[in-house]
Amino acid sequence: MRSYFIIVALVFLLLAGCTMGKKNWPEAVTSEDSFALEIMSAERKDNCLLLQVNVTGAVDRLYRATIQYEQVGGEDGGCIDCPFVPRNALHITRNQNNFVLNGNSLSMSICALEPGVEYRFRVAGKSELPATPLVFTNVFVTGP
């Protein structure tokens, strides 16, 4: 009889131990894990666009930067005053040559633009934390 009570007590302690504590998936701490992007300079050279982007906040969390762009005017293009609908994008991850992050300064470029054509563009940043939303810069216009 005594062994019966010991076994029941051990089973109870085991089950109680398994149910104790709140178990949730880890979540990003916004103040520690978020970053912001701001285009500091954009220079158009022929069919290339060279960008310098300032990254503030959790710089090391920036995993991928995307240059989103669309032609202005023409058959496949949007208009200057229309909502920005990027029709093309170049994704660059931090392990690629085109992703150069020195301190808070990200250098990146795209060389797929047609000469003599204006483009609207912005940069989107993706965190290495999957649940974190994309971060966007303002939309800018290149010269032809």
N, C-alpha and C. Protein backbone atom coordinates (compact mmCIF):
# COMPACT_ATOMS: atom_id res chain seq x y z
N MET A 1 0.81 -1.19 0.00
CA MET A 1 0.00 0.00 0.00
C MET A 1 0.86 1.26 0.00
N ARG A 2 1.94 1.18 0.76
CA ARG A 2 2.83 2.34 0.84
C ARG A 2 3.47 2.62 -0.52
N SER A 3 3.88 1.61 -1.25
CA SER A 3 4.47 1.79 -2.57
C SER A 3 3.45 2.38 -3.56
N TYR A 4 2.17 2.05 -3.36
CA TYR A 4 1.13 2.62 -4.21
C TYR A 4 1.08 4.14 -4.05
N PHE A 5 1.13 4.63 -2.83
CA PHE A 5 1.10 6.07 -2.57
C PHE A 5 2.36 6.76 -3.10
N ILE A 6 3.49 6.09 -2.99
CA ILE A 6 4.73 6.67 -3.50
C ILE A 6 4.67 6.79 -5.02
N ILE A 7 4.16 5.77 -5.69
CA ILE A 7 4.04 5.81 -7.16
C ILE A 7 3.06 6.90 -7.58
N VAL A 8 1.93 7.00 -6.92
CA VAL A 8 0.94 8.04 -7.24
C VAL A 8 1.54 9.43 -7.01
N ALA A 9 2.28 9.61 -5.95
CA ALA A 9 2.91 10.90 -5.66
C ALA A 9 3.95 11.25 -6.72
N LEU A 10 4.74 10.28 -7.14
CA LEU A 10 5.74 10.53 -8.18
C LEU A 10 5.09 10.89 -9.52
N VAL A 11 4.05 10.17 -9.89
CA VAL A 11 3.33 10.47 -11.13
C VAL A 11 2.73 11.87 -11.06
N PHE A 12 2.14 12.21 -9.91
CA PHE A 12 1.56 13.54 -9.75
C PHE A 12 2.63 14.63 -9.89
N LEU A 13 3.79 14.44 -9.26
CA LEU A 13 4.87 15.42 -9.36
C LEU A 13 5.39 15.53 -10.79
N LEU A 14 5.48 14.42 -11.48
CA LEU A 14 5.93 14.44 -12.88
C LEU A 14 4.96 15.23 -13.75
N LEU A 15 3.67 14.94 -13.62
CA LEU A 15 2.67 15.66 -14.42
C LEU A 15 2.60 17.13 -14.04
N ALA A 16 2.71 17.44 -12.77
CA ALA A 16 2.68 18.84 -12.33
C ALA A 16 3.89 19.60 -12.88
N GLY A 17 5.04 18.95 -12.90
CA GLY A 17 6.25 19.59 -13.42
C GLY A 17 6.16 19.87 -14.90
N CYS A 18 5.47 19.01 -15.65
CA CYS A 18 5.35 19.20 -17.10
C CYS A 18 4.41 20.34 -17.46
N THR A 19 3.47 20.65 -16.58
CA THR A 19 2.48 21.67 -16.91
C THR A 19 2.82 23.04 -16.34
N MET A 20 3.87 23.12 -15.57
CA MET A 20 4.22 24.40 -14.95
C MET A 20 4.90 25.32 -15.95
N GLY A 21 4.66 26.59 -15.81
CA GLY A 21 5.33 27.59 -16.65
C GLY A 21 4.58 27.83 -17.95
N LYS A 22 4.73 29.01 -18.45
CA LYS A 22 4.10 29.40 -19.70
C LYS A 22 5.09 29.17 -20.84
N LYS A 23 4.66 28.47 -21.86
CA LYS A 23 5.54 28.17 -22.97
C LYS A 23 5.02 28.85 -24.23
N ASN A 24 5.79 29.80 -24.75
CA ASN A 24 5.44 30.51 -25.98
C ASN A 24 6.65 30.55 -26.88
N TRP A 25 6.40 30.79 -28.18
CA TRP A 25 7.51 30.99 -29.11
C TRP A 25 8.19 32.30 -28.76
N PRO A 26 9.51 32.36 -28.94
CA PRO A 26 10.20 33.63 -28.67
C PRO A 26 9.72 34.72 -29.63
N GLU A 27 9.64 35.91 -29.14
CA GLU A 27 9.21 37.04 -29.94
C GLU A 27 10.32 38.10 -29.99
N ALA A 28 10.33 38.83 -31.09
CA ALA A 28 11.32 39.90 -31.24
C ALA A 28 11.00 41.03 -30.26
N VAL A 29 12.01 41.60 -29.68
CA VAL A 29 11.87 42.77 -28.81
C VAL A 29 12.10 43.98 -29.71
N THR A 30 11.04 44.72 -29.98
CA THR A 30 11.10 45.80 -30.95
C THR A 30 12.23 46.77 -30.68
N SER A 31 12.42 47.15 -29.44
CA SER A 31 13.46 48.14 -29.13
C SER A 31 14.87 47.59 -29.36
N GLU A 32 15.05 46.29 -29.33
CA GLU A 32 16.38 45.70 -29.47
C GLU A 32 16.62 45.07 -30.84
N ASP A 33 15.56 44.68 -31.55
CA ASP A 33 15.71 43.90 -32.77
C ASP A 33 15.28 44.60 -34.05
N SER A 34 14.83 45.84 -33.97
CA SER A 34 14.36 46.53 -35.17
C SER A 34 15.42 47.47 -35.71
N PHE A 35 15.29 47.80 -36.98
CA PHE A 35 16.21 48.74 -37.61
C PHE A 35 15.41 49.63 -38.55
N ALA A 36 16.04 50.72 -38.99
CA ALA A 36 15.42 51.65 -39.94
C ALA A 36 16.40 51.89 -41.08
N LEU A 37 15.86 52.21 -42.25
CA LEU A 37 16.68 52.47 -43.44
C LEU A 37 16.39 53.87 -43.97
N GLU A 38 17.46 54.53 -44.42
CA GLU A 38 17.31 55.85 -45.04
C GLU A 38 18.34 55.97 -46.16
N ILE A 39 17.87 56.34 -47.35
CA ILE A 39 18.78 56.50 -48.47
C ILE A 39 19.54 57.81 -48.29
N MET A 40 20.85 57.71 -48.23
CA MET A 40 21.70 58.88 -48.04
C MET A 40 22.13 59.46 -49.39
N SER A 41 22.41 58.57 -50.35
CA SER A 41 22.75 59.06 -51.69
C SER A 41 22.37 58.00 -52.72
N ALA A 42 22.01 58.50 -53.89
CA ALA A 42 21.67 57.65 -55.03
C ALA A 42 22.26 58.31 -56.27
N GLU A 43 23.12 57.58 -56.96
CA GLU A 43 23.78 58.13 -58.14
C GLU A 43 23.52 57.21 -59.32
N ARG A 44 23.06 57.81 -60.40
CA ARG A 44 22.79 57.05 -61.62
C ARG A 44 23.98 57.20 -62.56
N LYS A 45 24.55 56.07 -62.98
CA LYS A 45 25.64 56.05 -63.96
C LYS A 45 25.24 55.08 -65.06
N ASP A 46 24.86 55.64 -66.22
CA ASP A 46 24.42 54.83 -67.36
C ASP A 46 23.27 53.91 -66.94
N ASN A 47 23.50 52.60 -66.98
CA ASN A 47 22.40 51.68 -66.65
C ASN A 47 22.49 51.20 -65.19
N CYS A 48 23.32 51.84 -64.38
CA CYS A 48 23.51 51.45 -62.98
C CYS A 48 22.97 52.51 -62.02
N LEU A 49 22.52 52.06 -60.88
CA LEU A 49 22.10 52.92 -59.79
C LEU A 49 22.93 52.52 -58.57
N LEU A 50 23.72 53.46 -58.05
CA LEU A 50 24.58 53.21 -56.90
C LEU A 50 23.95 53.85 -55.67
N LEU A 51 23.74 53.07 -54.63
CA LEU A 51 23.03 53.55 -53.45
C LEU A 51 23.88 53.45 -52.20
N GLN A 52 23.74 54.46 -51.33
CA GLN A 52 24.30 54.46 -49.99
C GLN A 52 23.10 54.56 -49.05
N VAL A 53 22.93 53.56 -48.20
CA VAL A 53 21.78 53.51 -47.30
C VAL A 53 22.27 53.52 -45.86
N ASN A 54 21.71 54.41 -45.05
CA ASN A 54 22.04 54.47 -43.64
C ASN A 54 21.12 53.50 -42.88
N VAL A 55 21.72 52.62 -42.09
CA VAL A 55 20.97 51.65 -41.30
C VAL A 55 21.13 52.03 -39.83
N THR A 56 20.02 52.26 -39.14
CA THR A 56 20.07 52.60 -37.72
C THR A 56 19.34 51.54 -36.91
N GLY A 57 19.68 51.43 -35.65
CA GLY A 57 19.05 50.43 -34.79
C GLY A 57 19.87 49.15 -34.79
N ALA A 58 19.19 48.02 -34.86
CA ALA A 58 19.83 46.70 -34.82
C ALA A 58 20.41 46.36 -36.19
N VAL A 59 21.52 46.99 -36.52
CA VAL A 59 22.15 46.86 -37.84
C VAL A 59 22.45 45.40 -38.17
N ASP A 60 22.89 44.64 -37.20
CA ASP A 60 23.26 43.25 -37.44
C ASP A 60 22.07 42.35 -37.77
N ARG A 61 20.87 42.81 -37.54
CA ARG A 61 19.67 42.03 -37.87
C ARG A 61 19.31 42.11 -39.35
N LEU A 62 19.85 43.09 -40.08
CA LEU A 62 19.54 43.24 -41.50
C LEU A 62 20.13 42.06 -42.27
N TYR A 63 19.24 41.24 -42.83
CA TYR A 63 19.68 40.05 -43.55
C TYR A 63 19.62 40.24 -45.07
N ARG A 64 18.56 40.90 -45.54
CA ARG A 64 18.39 41.08 -46.98
C ARG A 64 17.92 42.50 -47.27
N ALA A 65 18.50 43.08 -48.30
CA ALA A 65 18.04 44.39 -48.79
C ALA A 65 17.55 44.19 -50.22
N THR A 66 16.44 44.80 -50.53
CA THR A 66 15.84 44.66 -51.84
C THR A 66 15.68 46.04 -52.47
N ILE A 67 16.18 46.20 -53.68
CA ILE A 67 15.93 47.43 -54.44
C ILE A 67 14.69 47.15 -55.27
N GLN A 68 13.61 47.85 -54.94
CA GLN A 68 12.36 47.72 -55.69
C GLN A 68 12.29 48.90 -56.64
N TYR A 69 11.97 48.63 -57.92
CA TYR A 69 11.98 49.73 -58.88
C TYR A 69 10.95 49.51 -59.97
N GLU A 70 10.57 50.63 -60.60
CA GLU A 70 9.65 50.59 -61.73
C GLU A 70 10.00 51.72 -62.68
N GLN A 71 9.79 51.47 -63.93
CA GLN A 71 10.01 52.47 -64.98
C GLN A 71 8.93 53.53 -64.87
N VAL A 72 9.29 54.78 -65.16
CA VAL A 72 8.32 55.87 -65.18
C VAL A 72 7.92 56.10 -66.62
N GLY A 73 6.63 56.01 -66.89
CA GLY A 73 6.12 56.21 -68.25
C GLY A 73 6.35 55.01 -69.14
N GLY A 74 5.91 55.14 -70.37
CA GLY A 74 6.06 54.05 -71.32
C GLY A 74 5.00 52.99 -71.12
N GLU A 75 5.07 51.95 -71.93
CA GLU A 75 4.08 50.87 -71.90
C GLU A 75 4.02 50.15 -70.56
N ASP A 76 5.17 49.83 -70.01
CA ASP A 76 5.24 49.03 -68.79
C ASP A 76 5.47 49.85 -67.54
N GLY A 77 5.41 51.16 -67.65
CA GLY A 77 5.77 52.00 -66.51
C GLY A 77 4.60 52.63 -65.81
N GLY A 78 4.89 53.14 -64.64
CA GLY A 78 3.89 53.87 -63.87
C GLY A 78 4.09 55.36 -64.08
N CYS A 79 3.29 56.14 -63.39
CA CYS A 79 3.43 57.59 -63.50
C CYS A 79 4.01 58.14 -62.20
N ILE A 80 4.56 59.33 -62.28
CA ILE A 80 5.21 59.95 -61.12
C ILE A 80 4.25 60.09 -59.94
N ASP A 81 3.00 60.47 -60.20
CA ASP A 81 2.04 60.73 -59.13
C ASP A 81 1.21 59.52 -58.74
N CYS A 82 1.38 58.40 -59.43
CA CYS A 82 0.63 57.18 -59.12
C CYS A 82 1.21 56.51 -57.87
N PRO A 83 0.42 55.66 -57.22
CA PRO A 83 0.99 54.89 -56.11
C PRO A 83 2.15 54.03 -56.62
N PHE A 84 3.14 53.86 -55.78
CA PHE A 84 4.32 53.09 -56.16
C PHE A 84 3.99 51.60 -56.18
N VAL A 85 4.12 51.01 -57.34
CA VAL A 85 3.89 49.58 -57.52
C VAL A 85 5.15 49.00 -58.17
N PRO A 86 6.10 48.56 -57.35
CA PRO A 86 7.36 48.09 -57.93
C PRO A 86 7.14 46.87 -58.81
N ARG A 87 7.52 47.00 -60.07
CA ARG A 87 7.35 45.91 -61.02
C ARG A 87 8.58 45.01 -61.09
N ASN A 88 9.69 45.48 -60.53
CA ASN A 88 10.93 44.73 -60.54
C ASN A 88 11.61 44.86 -59.17
N ALA A 89 12.42 43.87 -58.85
CA ALA A 89 13.14 43.91 -57.58
C ALA A 89 14.43 43.11 -57.70
N LEU A 90 15.44 43.61 -57.03
CA LEU A 90 16.72 42.91 -56.91
C LEU A 90 16.95 42.63 -55.44
N HIS A 91 16.97 41.35 -55.06
CA HIS A 91 17.18 40.94 -53.68
C HIS A 91 18.67 40.65 -53.47
N ILE A 92 19.23 41.25 -52.42
CA ILE A 92 20.65 41.06 -52.12
C ILE A 92 20.76 40.67 -50.65
N THR A 93 21.33 39.50 -50.40
CA THR A 93 21.51 39.05 -49.02
C THR A 93 22.92 39.39 -48.55
N ARG A 94 23.10 39.36 -47.24
CA ARG A 94 24.36 39.83 -46.68
C ARG A 94 25.57 38.95 -47.03
N ASN A 95 25.37 37.80 -47.62
CA ASN A 95 26.51 36.97 -48.00
C ASN A 95 26.88 37.15 -49.48
N GLN A 96 26.28 38.14 -50.15
CA GLN A 96 26.59 38.39 -51.55
C GLN A 96 27.55 39.58 -51.68
N ASN A 97 28.27 39.61 -52.80
CA ASN A 97 29.26 40.67 -53.04
C ASN A 97 28.63 42.05 -53.13
N ASN A 98 27.40 42.14 -53.60
CA ASN A 98 26.72 43.41 -53.81
C ASN A 98 26.17 44.01 -52.52
N PHE A 99 26.33 43.32 -51.40
CA PHE A 99 25.83 43.75 -50.09
C PHE A 99 27.05 44.11 -49.24
N VAL A 100 27.37 45.41 -49.17
CA VAL A 100 28.55 45.87 -48.44
C VAL A 100 28.08 46.73 -47.28
N LEU A 101 28.17 46.17 -46.08
CA LEU A 101 27.74 46.87 -44.87
C LEU A 101 28.96 47.19 -44.02
N ASN A 102 29.28 48.49 -43.94
CA ASN A 102 30.39 48.97 -43.12
C ASN A 102 29.81 49.84 -42.02
N GLY A 103 29.78 49.31 -40.80
CA GLY A 103 29.17 50.05 -39.70
C GLY A 103 27.68 50.21 -39.96
N ASN A 104 27.25 51.46 -40.09
CA ASN A 104 25.83 51.74 -40.36
C ASN A 104 25.57 52.06 -41.82
N SER A 105 26.57 51.95 -42.67
CA SER A 105 26.42 52.33 -44.07
C SER A 105 26.37 51.10 -44.97
N LEU A 106 25.28 50.97 -45.69
CA LEU A 106 25.09 49.87 -46.64
C LEU A 106 25.27 50.41 -48.05
N SER A 107 26.21 49.83 -48.79
CA SER A 107 26.41 50.18 -50.20
C SER A 107 25.84 49.06 -51.05
N MET A 108 25.05 49.43 -52.04
CA MET A 108 24.48 48.44 -52.95
C MET A 108 24.24 49.08 -54.30
N SER A 109 24.12 48.24 -55.32
CA SER A 109 23.91 48.79 -56.65
C SER A 109 23.11 47.81 -57.50
N ILE A 110 22.53 48.38 -58.54
CA ILE A 110 21.79 47.59 -59.52
C ILE A 110 22.19 48.12 -60.90
N CYS A 111 22.43 47.22 -61.81
CA CYS A 111 22.84 47.62 -63.17
C CYS A 111 21.92 46.99 -64.21
N ALA A 112 20.62 47.17 -64.01
CA ALA A 112 19.65 46.60 -64.94
C ALA A 112 18.73 47.68 -65.51
N LEU A 113 19.13 48.95 -65.40
CA LEU A 113 18.28 50.05 -65.85
C LEU A 113 18.56 50.36 -67.32
N GLU A 114 17.53 50.78 -68.02
CA GLU A 114 17.69 51.18 -69.42
C GLU A 114 18.17 52.62 -69.48
N PRO A 115 19.19 52.90 -70.29
CA PRO A 115 19.67 54.28 -70.41
C PRO A 115 18.57 55.20 -70.95
N GLY A 116 18.54 56.41 -70.43
CA GLY A 116 17.58 57.41 -70.91
C GLY A 116 16.17 57.24 -70.37
N VAL A 117 15.96 56.35 -69.41
CA VAL A 117 14.64 56.11 -68.85
C VAL A 117 14.67 56.44 -67.36
N GLU A 118 13.62 57.15 -66.89
CA GLU A 118 13.50 57.45 -65.47
C GLU A 118 12.92 56.24 -64.74
N TYR A 119 13.33 56.09 -63.48
CA TYR A 119 12.81 55.01 -62.64
C TYR A 119 12.46 55.56 -61.27
N ARG A 120 11.45 54.96 -60.67
CA ARG A 120 11.16 55.20 -59.25
C ARG A 120 11.67 53.99 -58.50
N PHE A 121 12.21 54.22 -57.31
CA PHE A 121 12.76 53.10 -56.55
C PHE A 121 12.68 53.36 -55.05
N ARG A 122 12.81 52.28 -54.30
CA ARG A 122 12.96 52.34 -52.85
C ARG A 122 13.73 51.09 -52.42
N VAL A 123 14.20 51.10 -51.19
CA VAL A 123 14.91 49.95 -50.64
C VAL A 123 14.06 49.36 -49.52
N ALA A 124 13.93 48.05 -49.54
CA ALA A 124 13.22 47.33 -48.47
C ALA A 124 14.23 46.46 -47.73
N GLY A 125 14.14 46.43 -46.42
CA GLY A 125 15.05 45.63 -45.61
C GLY A 125 14.30 44.53 -44.90
N LYS A 126 14.88 43.33 -44.91
CA LYS A 126 14.30 42.17 -44.23
C LYS A 126 15.22 41.75 -43.10
N SER A 127 14.65 41.53 -41.93
CA SER A 127 15.40 41.10 -40.76
C SER A 127 15.68 39.61 -40.83
N GLU A 128 16.69 39.17 -40.10
CA GLU A 128 16.96 37.75 -39.99
C GLU A 128 15.92 37.05 -39.11
N LEU A 129 15.12 37.83 -38.39
CA LEU A 129 14.03 37.27 -37.60
C LEU A 129 12.79 37.15 -38.49
N PRO A 130 12.30 35.95 -38.73
CA PRO A 130 11.24 35.74 -39.72
C PRO A 130 9.94 36.50 -39.47
N ALA A 131 9.57 36.72 -38.23
CA ALA A 131 8.29 37.37 -37.94
C ALA A 131 8.34 38.88 -38.02
N THR A 132 9.51 39.45 -38.20
CA THR A 132 9.65 40.91 -38.25
C THR A 132 9.22 41.42 -39.62
N PRO A 133 8.39 42.47 -39.66
CA PRO A 133 7.93 42.99 -40.96
C PRO A 133 9.05 43.69 -41.74
N LEU A 134 8.83 43.84 -43.04
CA LEU A 134 9.78 44.56 -43.89
C LEU A 134 9.85 46.02 -43.48
N VAL A 135 11.01 46.63 -43.71
CA VAL A 135 11.23 48.04 -43.44
C VAL A 135 11.51 48.71 -44.79
N PHE A 136 10.88 49.86 -45.06
CA PHE A 136 11.01 50.52 -46.36
C PHE A 136 11.59 51.93 -46.21
N THR A 137 12.29 52.36 -47.25
CA THR A 137 12.70 53.76 -47.36
C THR A 137 11.59 54.51 -48.09
N ASN A 138 11.77 55.81 -48.24
CA ASN A 138 10.87 56.59 -49.08
C ASN A 138 11.11 56.21 -50.54
N VAL A 139 10.21 56.62 -51.41
CA VAL A 139 10.34 56.38 -52.85
C VAL A 139 11.05 57.57 -53.48
N PHE A 140 12.02 57.29 -54.35
CA PHE A 140 12.80 58.31 -55.04
C PHE A 140 12.72 58.09 -56.53
N VAL A 141 13.09 59.13 -57.30
CA VAL A 141 13.08 59.06 -58.76
C VAL A 141 14.50 59.30 -59.26
N THR A 142 14.94 58.44 -60.20
CA THR A 142 16.25 58.63 -60.82
C THR A 142 16.12 59.58 -62.00
N GLY A 143 17.20 60.15 -62.41
CA GLY A 143 17.20 60.91 -63.66
C GLY A 143 17.27 59.95 -64.84
N PRO A 144 16.99 60.45 -66.04
CA PRO A 144 17.07 59.57 -67.22
C PRO A 144 18.48 59.19 -67.59
